C-alpha atoms as a PDB file:
ATOM      1  CA  MET A   1       0.000   0.000   0.000  1.00  0.00           C
ATOM      2  CA  THR A   2       1.328   3.447  -0.932  1.00  0.00           C
ATOM      3  CA  ARG A   3       1.966   5.603   2.129  1.00  0.00           C
ATOM      4  CA  PRO A   4       0.036   8.909   2.095  1.00  0.00           C
ATOM      5  CA  THR A   5       2.017  12.078   1.462  1.00  0.00           C
ATOM      6  CA  LEU A   6       2.186  14.755   4.151  1.00  0.00           C
ATOM      7  CA  ASP A   7      -0.702  16.768   2.719  1.00  0.00           C
ATOM      8  CA  GLN A   8      -2.787  13.574   2.576  1.00  0.00           C
ATOM      9  CA  LEU A   9      -2.158  12.577   6.178  1.00  0.00           C
ATOM     10  CA  PRO A  10      -5.206  13.004   8.410  1.00  0.00           C
ATOM     11  CA  ALA A  11      -5.539  15.778  10.972  1.00  0.00           C
ATOM     12  CA  VAL A  12      -6.011  13.989  14.301  1.00  0.00           C
ATOM     13  CA  THR A  13      -6.909  15.434  17.692  1.00  0.00           C
ATOM     14  CA  ALA A  14      -6.298  13.225  20.744  1.00  0.00           C
ATOM     15  CA  LEU A  15      -7.894  14.000  24.116  1.00  0.00           C
ATOM     16  CA  GLY A  16      -6.916  12.675  27.521  1.00  0.00           C
ATOM     17  CA  GLY A  17      -4.227  13.013  30.141  1.00  0.00           C
ATOM     18  CA  GLY A  18      -1.314  11.305  31.820  1.00  0.00           C
ATOM     19  CA  HIS A  19      -0.027   7.915  30.706  1.00  0.00           C
ATOM     20  CA  GLY A  20      -3.141   7.129  28.693  1.00  0.00           C
ATOM     21  CA  LEU A  21      -2.805  10.144  26.412  1.00  0.00           C
ATOM     22  CA  SER A  22       0.932   9.505  26.151  1.00  0.00           C
ATOM     23  CA  ALA A  23       0.189   5.979  24.874  1.00  0.00           C
ATOM     24  CA  SER A  24      -2.334   7.323  22.381  1.00  0.00           C
ATOM     25  CA  LEU A  25       0.088   9.952  21.065  1.00  0.00           C
ATOM     26  CA  SER A  26       2.949   7.441  20.831  1.00  0.00           C
ATOM     27  CA  ALA A  27       0.750   5.384  18.503  1.00  0.00           C
ATOM     28  CA  LEU A  28      -0.800   8.242  16.532  1.00  0.00           C
ATOM     29  CA  ARG A  29       2.497   9.953  15.688  1.00  0.00           C
ATOM     30  CA  ARG A  30       3.360   6.825  13.726  1.00  0.00           C
ATOM     31  CA  LEU A  31       0.350   7.547  11.525  1.00  0.00           C
ATOM     32  CA  THR A  32       0.404  11.320  11.037  1.00  0.00           C
ATOM     33  CA  ASP A  33       2.335  14.520  11.725  1.00  0.00           C
ATOM     34  CA  ARG A  34      -0.868  16.560  11.773  1.00  0.00           C
ATOM     35  CA  LEU A  35      -1.496  15.823  15.428  1.00  0.00           C
ATOM     36  CA  THR A  36      -2.966  17.894  18.273  1.00  0.00           C
ATOM     37  CA  ALA A  37      -3.107  16.777  21.905  1.00  0.00           C
ATOM     38  CA  ILE A  38      -5.761  18.289  24.184  1.00  0.00           C
ATOM     39  CA  VAL A  39      -4.868  17.690  27.813  1.00  0.00           C
ATOM     40  CA  THR A  40      -6.768  17.728  31.100  1.00  0.00           C
ATOM     41  CA  VAL A  41      -5.740  20.456  33.563  1.00  0.00           C
ATOM     42  CA  ALA A  42      -7.045  19.201  36.916  1.00  0.00           C
ATOM     43  CA  ASP A  43      -3.921  17.460  38.271  1.00  0.00           C
ATOM     44  CA  ASP A  44      -3.203  18.486  41.857  1.00  0.00           C
ATOM     45  CA  GLY A  45      -0.664  15.864  42.948  1.00  0.00           C
ATOM     46  CA  GLY A  46       3.119  15.542  42.972  1.00  0.00           C
ATOM     47  CA  SER A  47       5.277  18.105  41.211  1.00  0.00           C
ATOM     48  CA  SER A  48       2.318  19.622  39.357  1.00  0.00           C
ATOM     49  CA  GLY A  49       0.400  20.096  42.587  1.00  0.00           C
ATOM     50  CA  ARG A  50       3.331  21.826  44.246  1.00  0.00           C
ATOM     51  CA  ILE A  51       3.844  24.171  41.297  1.00  0.00           C
ATOM     52  CA  ARG A  52       0.137  24.888  41.153  1.00  0.00           C
ATOM     53  CA  GLN A  53      -0.014  25.635  44.858  1.00  0.00           C
ATOM     54  CA  GLU A  54       3.008  27.949  44.810  1.00  0.00           C
ATOM     55  CA  PHE A  55       2.515  29.818  41.534  1.00  0.00           C
ATOM     56  CA  GLY A  56      -1.112  29.207  40.556  1.00  0.00           C
ATOM     57  CA  GLY A  57      -1.968  28.620  36.925  1.00  0.00           C
ATOM     58  CA  LEU A  58      -2.286  25.328  35.111  1.00  0.00           C
ATOM     59  CA  PRO A  59      -0.642  22.086  36.282  1.00  0.00           C
ATOM     60  CA  PRO A  60       2.153  21.276  33.795  1.00  0.00           C
ATOM     61  CA  GLY A  61       2.593  17.527  34.390  1.00  0.00           C
ATOM     62  CA  ASP A  62       0.168  15.973  31.910  1.00  0.00           C
ATOM     63  CA  LEU A  63       1.098  18.619  29.330  1.00  0.00           C
ATOM     64  CA  ARG A  64       4.766  17.689  29.803  1.00  0.00           C
ATOM     65  CA  MET A  65       4.020  14.002  29.248  1.00  0.00           C
ATOM     66  CA  ALA A  66       2.184  14.808  26.024  1.00  0.00           C
ATOM     67  CA  LEU A  67       5.112  16.893  24.769  1.00  0.00           C
ATOM     68  CA  ALA A  68       7.526  14.072  25.615  1.00  0.00           C
ATOM     69  CA  ALA A  69       5.363  11.588  23.693  1.00  0.00           C
ATOM     70  CA  LEU A  70       5.542  13.847  20.613  1.00  0.00           C
ATOM     71  CA  CYS A  71       9.341  14.055  20.575  1.00  0.00           C
ATOM     72  CA  GLY A  72      10.968  12.447  17.553  1.00  0.00           C
ATOM     73  CA  ASP A  73      12.471   8.974  17.452  1.00  0.00           C
ATOM     74  CA  ASP A  74      15.951  10.220  16.569  1.00  0.00           C
ATOM     75  CA  HIS A  75      18.672  10.585  19.195  1.00  0.00           C
ATOM     76  CA  THR A  76      17.904  14.248  19.876  1.00  0.00           C
ATOM     77  CA  GLY A  77      14.195  13.624  20.205  1.00  0.00           C
ATOM     78  CA  ARG A  78      14.607  10.733  22.626  1.00  0.00           C
ATOM     79  CA  LEU A  79      17.147  12.730  24.657  1.00  0.00           C
ATOM     80  CA  TRP A  80      14.711  15.639  24.986  1.00  0.00           C
ATOM     81  CA  ALA A  81      11.961  13.235  26.055  1.00  0.00           C
ATOM     82  CA  GLU A  82      14.203  11.812  28.768  1.00  0.00           C
ATOM     83  CA  ILE A  83      15.186  15.288  29.955  1.00  0.00           C
ATOM     84  CA  LEU A  84      11.558  16.408  30.204  1.00  0.00           C
ATOM     85  CA  GLN A  85      10.661  13.356  32.292  1.00  0.00           C
ATOM     86  CA  THR A  86      13.734  13.384  34.557  1.00  0.00           C
ATOM     87  CA  ARG A  87      13.034  14.320  38.180  1.00  0.00           C
ATOM     88  CA  PHE A  88      15.384  15.944  40.663  1.00  0.00           C
ATOM     89  CA  PRO A  89      16.359  13.553  43.472  1.00  0.00           C
ATOM     90  CA  GLY A  90      16.233  14.168  47.201  1.00  0.00           C
ATOM     91  CA  ASP A  91      13.851  15.865  49.616  1.00  0.00           C
ATOM     92  CA  GLY A  92      14.914  19.464  49.051  1.00  0.00           C
ATOM     93  CA  GLN A  93      12.892  22.188  47.373  1.00  0.00           C
ATOM     94  CA  LEU A  94      13.637  20.758  43.924  1.00  0.00           C
ATOM     95  CA  GLY A  95      13.287  17.118  44.986  1.00  0.00           C
ATOM     96  CA  GLY A  96      10.609  15.305  42.979  1.00  0.00           C
ATOM     97  CA  HIS A  97      10.121  18.073  40.431  1.00  0.00           C
ATOM     98  CA  ALA A  98      10.263  17.001  36.784  1.00  0.00           C
ATOM     99  CA  ILE A  99      12.632  19.141  34.710  1.00  0.00           C
ATOM    100  CA  GLY A 100       9.924  19.548  32.076  1.00  0.00           C
ATOM    101  CA  ASN A 101       7.448  20.868  34.637  1.00  0.00           C
ATOM    102  CA  LEU A 102       9.852  23.605  35.717  1.00  0.00           C
ATOM    103  CA  LEU A 103      10.665  24.473  32.088  1.00  0.00           C
ATOM    104  CA  ILE A 104       6.987  24.852  31.193  1.00  0.00           C
ATOM    105  CA  ALA A 105       6.145  26.755  34.374  1.00  0.00           C
ATOM    106  CA  GLY A 106       9.099  29.097  33.826  1.00  0.00           C
ATOM    107  CA  ILE A 107       8.076  29.896  30.245  1.00  0.00           C
ATOM    108  CA  TRP A 108       4.487  30.498  31.375  1.00  0.00           C
ATOM    109  CA  GLU A 109       5.743  32.856  34.065  1.00  0.00           C
ATOM    110  CA  ARG A 110       7.694  34.802  31.448  1.00  0.00           C
ATOM    111  CA  LEU A 111       5.022  34.893  28.710  1.00  0.00           C
ATOM    112  CA  GLY A 112       1.807  34.874  30.722  1.00  0.00           C
ATOM    113  CA  ASP A 113       0.122  32.833  27.973  1.00  0.00           C
ATOM    114  CA  PRO A 114      -0.163  29.038  28.426  1.00  0.00           C
ATOM    115  CA  VAL A 115      -1.009  28.287  24.781  1.00  0.00           C
ATOM    116  CA  ARG A 116       1.854  30.393  23.424  1.00  0.00           C
ATOM    117  CA  GLY A 117       4.188  28.943  26.049  1.00  0.00           C
ATOM    118  CA  LEU A 118       3.376  25.350  25.069  1.00  0.00           C
ATOM    119  CA  ALA A 119       3.912  26.237  21.410  1.00  0.00           C
ATOM    120  CA  MET A 120       7.362  27.622  22.296  1.00  0.00           C
ATOM    121  CA  VAL A 121       8.303  24.432  24.169  1.00  0.00           C
ATOM    122  CA  GLY A 122       7.049  22.362  21.226  1.00  0.00           C
ATOM    123  CA  GLU A 123       9.240  24.347  18.833  1.00  0.00           C
ATOM    124  CA  LEU A 124      12.241  23.856  21.128  1.00  0.00           C
ATOM    125  CA  LEU A 125      11.651  20.098  21.153  1.00  0.00           C
ATOM    126  CA  HIS A 126      10.786  19.831  17.429  1.00  0.00           C
ATOM    127  CA  SER A 127       7.584  18.075  18.519  1.00  0.00           C
ATOM    128  CA  ARG A 128       5.652  16.066  15.947  1.00  0.00           C
ATOM    129  CA  GLY A 129       2.401  17.848  16.773  1.00  0.00           C
ATOM    130  CA  ARG A 130       1.134  20.472  19.193  1.00  0.00           C
ATOM    131  CA  VAL A 131      -0.144  20.339  22.758  1.00  0.00           C
ATOM    132  CA  LEU A 132      -3.061  22.386  24.120  1.00  0.00           C
ATOM    133  CA  PRO A 133      -4.816  22.542  27.507  1.00  0.00           C
ATOM    134  CA  MET A 134      -8.520  21.688  27.440  1.00  0.00           C
ATOM    135  CA  SER A 135      -9.117  24.912  29.355  1.00  0.00           C
ATOM    136  CA  THR A 136      -6.888  27.822  30.317  1.00  0.00           C
ATOM    137  CA  THR A 137      -8.708  27.881  33.677  1.00  0.00           C
ATOM    138  CA  PRO A 138      -7.107  25.685  36.371  1.00  0.00           C
ATOM    139  CA  LEU A 139      -9.691  23.059  37.315  1.00  0.00           C
ATOM    140  CA  GLY A 140     -10.515  20.777  40.190  1.00  0.00           C
ATOM    141  CA  ILE A 141     -12.431  17.494  40.263  1.00  0.00           C
ATOM    142  CA  GLU A 142     -14.960  16.203  42.779  1.00  0.00           C
ATOM    143  CA  ALA A 143     -16.248  12.636  42.865  1.00  0.00           C
ATOM    144  CA  ASP A 144     -19.163  10.833  44.489  1.00  0.00           C
ATOM    145  CA  VAL A 145     -17.712   7.629  45.907  1.00  0.00           C
ATOM    146  CA  LEU A 146     -19.503   4.622  47.384  1.00  0.00           C
ATOM    147  CA  GLY A 147     -18.122   2.319  50.054  1.00  0.00           C
ATOM    148  CA  LEU A 148     -15.472   4.496  51.713  1.00  0.00           C
ATOM    149  CA  ASP A 149     -16.912   4.017  55.199  1.00  0.00           C
ATOM    150  CA  PRO A 150     -16.841   0.318  56.227  1.00  0.00           C
ATOM    151  CA  TYR A 151     -19.548   1.025  58.812  1.00  0.00           C
ATOM    152  CA  SER A 152     -21.823   2.641  56.210  1.00  0.00           C
ATOM    153  CA  PRO A 153     -20.995   0.816  52.939  1.00  0.00           C
ATOM    154  CA  ASP A 154     -24.071   2.195  51.169  1.00  0.00           C
ATOM    155  CA  GLU A 155     -23.255   5.810  51.964  1.00  0.00           C
ATOM    156  CA  VAL A 156     -21.979   8.026  49.151  1.00  0.00           C
ATOM    157  CA  CYS A 157     -19.160  10.393  50.130  1.00  0.00           C
ATOM    158  CA  THR A 158     -17.573  13.280  48.229  1.00  0.00           C
ATOM    159  CA  LEU A 159     -13.852  13.269  47.443  1.00  0.00           C
ATOM    160  CA  ALA A 160     -12.024  16.303  46.093  1.00  0.00           C
ATOM    161  CA  GLY A 161      -8.851  16.398  44.032  1.00  0.00           C
ATOM    162  CA  GLN A 162      -7.580  14.363  41.106  1.00  0.00           C
ATOM    163  CA  ALA A 163      -4.765  12.725  43.081  1.00  0.00           C
ATOM    164  CA  THR A 164      -7.153  11.630  45.855  1.00  0.00           C
ATOM    165  CA  ILE A 165      -9.820  10.311  43.479  1.00  0.00           C
ATOM    166  CA  ALA A 166      -7.291   8.376  41.401  1.00  0.00           C
ATOM    167  CA  LYS A 167      -6.198   6.381  44.478  1.00  0.00           C
ATOM    168  CA  THR A 168      -9.571   5.799  46.125  1.00  0.00           C
ATOM    169  CA  ARG A 169     -10.531   2.286  47.181  1.00  0.00           C
ATOM    170  CA  GLY A 170     -14.200   3.174  47.007  1.00  0.00           C
ATOM    171  CA  GLN A 171     -16.391   2.797  43.949  1.00  0.00           C
ATOM    172  CA  VAL A 172     -16.570   6.043  41.998  1.00  0.00           C
ATOM    173  CA  GLN A 173     -20.154   6.784  40.948  1.00  0.00           C
ATOM    174  CA  GLY A 174     -19.642  10.071  39.149  1.00  0.00           C
ATOM    175  CA  VAL A 175     -17.423  13.122  38.790  1.00  0.00           C
ATOM    176  CA  ARG A 176     -17.813  16.848  38.161  1.00  0.00           C
ATOM    177  CA  LEU A 177     -15.452  19.705  37.459  1.00  0.00           C
ATOM    178  CA  VAL A 178     -14.837  22.689  39.719  1.00  0.00           C
ATOM    179  CA  PRO A 179     -15.840  25.213  38.438  1.00  0.00           C
ATOM    180  CA  GLU A 180     -18.665  23.135  37.003  1.00  0.00           C
ATOM    181  CA  LYS A 181     -18.879  24.615  33.476  1.00  0.00           C
ATOM    182  CA  PRO A 182     -15.411  25.974  32.653  1.00  0.00           C
ATOM    183  CA  PRO A 183     -14.561  27.714  29.385  1.00  0.00           C
ATOM    184  CA  ALA A 184     -12.771  25.631  26.784  1.00  0.00           C
ATOM    185  CA  CYS A 185      -9.461  26.661  25.277  1.00  0.00           C
ATOM    186  CA  PRO A 186     -10.555  28.225  21.940  1.00  0.00           C
ATOM    187  CA  GLU A 187      -7.656  26.638  20.045  1.00  0.00           C
ATOM    188  CA  ALA A 188      -8.741  23.222  21.364  1.00  0.00           C
ATOM    189  CA  VAL A 189     -12.285  23.705  20.093  1.00  0.00           C
ATOM    190  CA  GLN A 190     -10.954  24.802  16.704  1.00  0.00           C
ATOM    191  CA  ALA A 191      -8.669  21.762  16.491  1.00  0.00           C
ATOM    192  CA  ILE A 192     -11.599  19.395  17.077  1.00  0.00           C
ATOM    193  CA  GLU A 193     -13.746  21.171  14.509  1.00  0.00           C
ATOM    194  CA  GLU A 194     -11.011  20.996  11.857  1.00  0.00           C
ATOM    195  CA  SER A 195      -9.928  17.389  12.468  1.00  0.00           C
ATOM    196  CA  ASP A 196     -10.426  14.331  10.320  1.00  0.00           C
ATOM    197  CA  PHE A 197     -10.384  12.093  13.409  1.00  0.00           C
ATOM    198  CA  VAL A 198     -10.907  12.742  17.129  1.00  0.00           C
ATOM    199  CA  VAL A 199      -9.516  10.131  19.535  1.00  0.00           C
ATOM    200  CA  LEU A 200     -10.679   9.978  23.165  1.00  0.00           C
ATOM    201  CA  GLY A 201      -8.910   7.751  25.696  1.00  0.00           C
ATOM    202  CA  PRO A 202      -7.371   5.589  26.950  1.00  0.00           C
ATOM    203  CA  GLY A 203      -6.557   6.696  30.470  1.00  0.00           C
ATOM    204  CA  SER A 204      -7.943   7.073  33.980  1.00  0.00           C
ATOM    205  CA  TRP A 205     -11.624   7.047  33.138  1.00  0.00           C
ATOM    206  CA  PHE A 206     -12.949   9.566  35.659  1.00  0.00           C
ATOM    207  CA  THR A 207      -9.986  11.950  35.897  1.00  0.00           C
ATOM    208  CA  SER A 208      -8.426  11.890  32.405  1.00  0.00           C
ATOM    209  CA  VAL A 209     -11.076  10.796  29.898  1.00  0.00           C
ATOM    210  CA  MET A 210     -14.398  12.134  31.196  1.00  0.00           C
ATOM    211  CA  PRO A 211     -13.288  15.696  32.060  1.00  0.00           C
ATOM    212  CA  HIS A 212     -13.203  16.596  28.356  1.00  0.00           C
ATOM    213  CA  LEU A 213     -16.888  15.742  28.072  1.00  0.00           C
ATOM    214  CA  LEU A 214     -17.691  17.986  31.065  1.00  0.00           C
ATOM    215  CA  VAL A 215     -16.400  21.171  29.394  1.00  0.00           C
ATOM    216  CA  PRO A 216     -19.510  22.359  27.510  1.00  0.00           C
ATOM    217  CA  ASP A 217     -17.806  23.867  24.454  1.00  0.00           C
ATOM    218  CA  LEU A 218     -15.480  20.874  24.081  1.00  0.00           C
ATOM    219  CA  TYR A 219     -18.369  18.437  24.347  1.00  0.00           C
ATOM    220  CA  GLN A 220     -20.330  20.424  21.790  1.00  0.00           C
ATOM    221  CA  ALA A 221     -17.353  20.397  19.422  1.00  0.00           C
ATOM    222  CA  ILE A 222     -16.856  16.642  19.869  1.00  0.00           C
ATOM    223  CA  ASN A 223     -20.485  15.909  19.118  1.00  0.00           C
ATOM    224  CA  THR A 224     -20.825  18.228  16.104  1.00  0.00           C
ATOM    225  CA  THR A 225     -17.428  17.896  14.424  1.00  0.00           C
ATOM    226  CA  PRO A 226     -17.437  16.326  10.951  1.00  0.00           C
ATOM    227  CA  ALA A 227     -14.479  14.240  12.146  1.00  0.00           C
ATOM    228  CA  ARG A 228     -14.795  10.527  12.843  1.00  0.00           C
ATOM    229  CA  ARG A 229     -14.787   9.966  16.621  1.00  0.00           C
ATOM    230  CA  ILE A 230     -12.807   7.058  18.072  1.00  0.00           C
ATOM    231  CA  LEU A 231     -12.850   5.897  21.691  1.00  0.00           C
ATOM    232  CA  THR A 232      -9.918   3.755  22.848  1.00  0.00           C
ATOM    233  CA  LEU A 233     -10.726   1.620  25.882  1.00  0.00           C
ATOM    234  CA  ASN A 234      -8.181   0.744  28.544  1.00  0.00           C
ATOM    235  CA  ILE A 235      -6.412  -2.608  28.591  1.00  0.00           C
ATOM    236  CA  ARG A 236      -8.187  -3.456  31.827  1.00  0.00           C
ATOM    237  CA  PRO A 237      -9.901  -1.504  34.620  1.00  0.00           C
ATOM    238  CA  ALA A 238      -7.658   0.889  36.556  1.00  0.00           C
ATOM    239  CA  ASP A 239      -8.071   1.829  40.235  1.00  0.00           C
ATOM    240  CA  GLU A 240     -10.855   4.313  39.479  1.00  0.00           C
ATOM    241  CA  THR A 241     -12.925   1.685  37.666  1.00  0.00           C
ATOM    242  CA  ALA A 242     -11.870  -1.495  39.473  1.00  0.00           C
ATOM    243  CA  GLY A 243     -14.384  -4.247  38.826  1.00  0.00           C
ATOM    244  CA  TYR A 244     -16.104  -2.432  35.966  1.00  0.00           C
ATOM    245  CA  THR A 245     -16.641  -4.246  32.661  1.00  0.00           C
ATOM    246  CA  ALA A 246     -15.823  -2.658  29.323  1.00  0.00           C
ATOM    247  CA  SER A 247     -19.574  -2.121  28.833  1.00  0.00           C
ATOM    248  CA  ARG A 248     -19.792  -0.263  32.127  1.00  0.00           C
ATOM    249  CA  HIS A 249     -17.053   2.086  30.919  1.00  0.00           C
ATOM    250  CA  LEU A 250     -19.251   3.072  27.976  1.00  0.00           C
ATOM    251  CA  GLU A 251     -22.299   3.350  30.203  1.00  0.00           C
ATOM    252  CA  LEU A 252     -20.431   5.768  32.471  1.00  0.00           C
ATOM    253  CA  LEU A 253     -19.627   7.988  29.495  1.00  0.00           C
ATOM    254  CA  SER A 254     -23.305   8.050  28.528  1.00  0.00           C
ATOM    255  CA  GLU A 255     -24.328   8.942  32.077  1.00  0.00           C
ATOM    256  CA  HIS A 256     -21.938  11.885  32.201  1.00  0.00           C
ATOM    257  CA  ALA A 257     -22.454  13.026  28.604  1.00  0.00           C
ATOM    258  CA  PRO A 258     -25.994  12.204  27.471  1.00  0.00           C
ATOM    259  CA  GLY A 259     -26.259  12.290  23.713  1.00  0.00           C
ATOM    260  CA  LEU A 260     -22.608  11.419  23.111  1.00  0.00           C
ATOM    261  CA  ARG A 261     -22.061   9.953  19.648  1.00  0.00           C
ATOM    262  CA  LEU A 262     -19.051   7.930  18.531  1.00  0.00           C
ATOM    263  CA  ASP A 263     -18.016   6.191  15.317  1.00  0.00           C
ATOM    264  CA  TRP A 264     -15.600   3.537  16.591  1.00  0.00           C
ATOM    265  CA  VAL A 265     -14.737   1.876  19.905  1.00  0.00           C
ATOM    266  CA  VAL A 266     -11.293   0.221  19.909  1.00  0.00           C
ATOM    267  CA  ALA A 267     -10.806  -2.461  22.573  1.00  0.00           C
ATOM    268  CA  ASP A 268      -8.217  -5.061  23.516  1.00  0.00           C
ATOM    269  CA  ARG A 269      -9.390  -8.608  22.915  1.00  0.00           C
ATOM    270  CA  LYS A 270      -8.622  -9.890  26.434  1.00  0.00           C
ATOM    271  CA  PHE A 271     -10.542  -7.069  28.136  1.00  0.00           C
ATOM    272  CA  VAL A 272     -13.728  -7.737  26.192  1.00  0.00           C
ATOM    273  CA  GLU A 273     -13.635 -11.506  25.592  1.00  0.00           C
ATOM    274  CA  GLU A 274     -16.231 -12.210  28.303  1.00  0.00           C
ATOM    275  CA  ASP A 275     -18.271  -9.022  27.799  1.00  0.00           C
ATOM    276  CA  ARG A 276     -21.221 -10.066  25.654  1.00  0.00           C
ATOM    277  CA  HIS A 277     -22.885  -6.666  25.805  1.00  0.00           C
ATOM    278  CA  LEU A 278     -20.083  -4.417  24.599  1.00  0.00           C
ATOM    279  CA  GLU A 279     -21.053  -4.429  20.939  1.00  0.00           C
ATOM    280  CA  ALA A 280     -24.610  -3.424  21.851  1.00  0.00           C
ATOM    281  CA  TYR A 281     -23.371  -0.647  24.138  1.00  0.00           C
ATOM    282  CA  ALA A 282     -21.079   0.630  21.404  1.00  0.00           C
ATOM    283  CA  GLY A 283     -23.996   0.539  18.984  1.00  0.00           C
ATOM    284  CA  SER A 284     -26.127   2.602  21.366  1.00  0.00           C
ATOM    285  CA  LEU A 285     -23.513   5.357  20.974  1.00  0.00           C
ATOM    286  CA  GLY A 286     -23.602   4.997  17.192  1.00  0.00           C
ATOM    287  CA  ALA A 287     -20.242   3.232  17.116  1.00  0.00           C
ATOM    288  CA  GLN A 288     -18.807   0.102  15.558  1.00  0.00           C
ATOM    289  CA  LEU A 289     -16.683  -2.100  17.794  1.00  0.00           C
ATOM    290  CA  PHE A 290     -13.123  -2.899  16.688  1.00  0.00           C
ATOM    291  CA  VAL A 291     -11.439  -5.612  18.760  1.00  0.00           C
ATOM    292  CA  SER A 292      -7.741  -6.364  18.418  1.00  0.00           C
ATOM    293  CA  HIS A 293      -4.638  -7.261  20.421  1.00  0.00           C
ATOM    294  CA  VAL A 294      -3.346  -3.817  21.420  1.00  0.00           C
ATOM    295  CA  ALA A 295      -1.732  -4.630  24.781  1.00  0.00           C
ATOM    296  CA  MET A 296       1.970  -4.994  25.480  1.00  0.00           C
ATOM    297  CA  ARG A 297       3.187  -8.544  24.972  1.00  0.00           C
ATOM    298  CA  ASP A 298       4.623  -8.686  28.513  1.00  0.00           C
ATOM    299  CA  GLY A 299       1.105  -8.812  29.961  1.00  0.00           C
ATOM    300  CA  SER A 300       1.251  -5.381  31.606  1.00  0.00           C
ATOM    301  CA  ALA A 301      -1.793  -3.096  31.498  1.00  0.00           C
ATOM    302  CA  ARG A 302      -0.262  -0.835  28.842  1.00  0.00           C
ATOM    303  CA  HIS A 303      -0.945  -0.281  25.178  1.00  0.00           C
ATOM    304  CA  ASP A 304       1.746  -1.361  22.741  1.00  0.00           C
ATOM    305  CA  PRO A 305       2.309   1.743  20.569  1.00  0.00           C
ATOM    306  CA  PHE A 306       2.893  -0.312  17.418  1.00  0.00           C
ATOM    307  CA  ARG A 307      -0.119  -2.575  17.952  1.00  0.00           C
ATOM    308  CA  LEU A 308      -2.325   0.409  18.805  1.00  0.00           C
ATOM    309  CA  ALA A 309      -1.037   2.311  15.772  1.00  0.00           C
ATOM    310  CA  SER A 310      -1.937  -0.672  13.590  1.00  0.00           C
ATOM    311  CA  ALA A 311      -5.453  -0.853  15.049  1.00  0.00           C
ATOM    312  CA  LEU A 312      -6.081   2.882  14.764  1.00  0.00           C
ATOM    313  CA  GLY A 313      -4.626   2.920  11.258  1.00  0.00           C
ATOM    314  CA  GLU A 314      -7.031   0.185  10.191  1.00  0.00           C
ATOM    315  CA  VAL A 315      -9.998   2.034  11.692  1.00  0.00           C
ATOM    316  CA  MET A 316      -8.905   5.227   9.941  1.00  0.00           C
ATOM    317  CA  GLY A 317      -8.390   3.444   6.646  1.00  0.00           C
ATOM    318  CA  LEU A 318      -4.677   4.293   6.430  1.00  0.00           C
END
């Protein structure tokens, strides 16, 4: 098959956060150079949380990971990716901070414009795509969680903060953003509207995937874009969705974003092999189900970038 030329390559927008978005971008950059990452901005843990608490503004961590995933495969690109992800050792003031977080935060402090600052970092790294925040407003997340109190297992409690929710042992019932209806980054909305494909997931379902659907202008753009919409499911349930089937993951999206329409759902064969209802749930969202082996061969709960690229390429007709 003849490989498409640069002007024939599809424009793809990928939405998510953290390791899930990084996996998606690592696969997609093998298919196209016309790539935009739209990243959640509710992280309040680790280095990002400390920077956010001290300086305000957006948390840089998930944005840094997206930039690292878009670095080239040559020696310089891989070196930059390693530098961005490297953390200072020790317990001092710099201990635990990722170099990339400090670079991004420093450029933001100088420019006062998060979108322009991320573009400057991308140019420095020769990134194969661009990275945008889903909102230029720093956000929080609240979750309704069941089963936190062993003496009242049926009581629903409220947890606040992405880092806290991600580690909860309770059963997350639903999430909301704080503020509840934040403005979307205009460049992110434009990217979705002008894309050929929009890819949502994989990632932490409640804190990385769903937040995009809770920003009204982003959700509107996702549902009305002429692009084909692809949802990539996780390899298996993470802490936030422990015990949930693949079908339940789709049901949760519908509960948080009524009226959501998709074109494809991409799932790993092992995750869905005993889920007889997944195809029907995908169909209820308007989507076709595409099942393939997309997990790492070592059995870990990670997507293999080459396998995922092959699956996404087939769905996209590349």
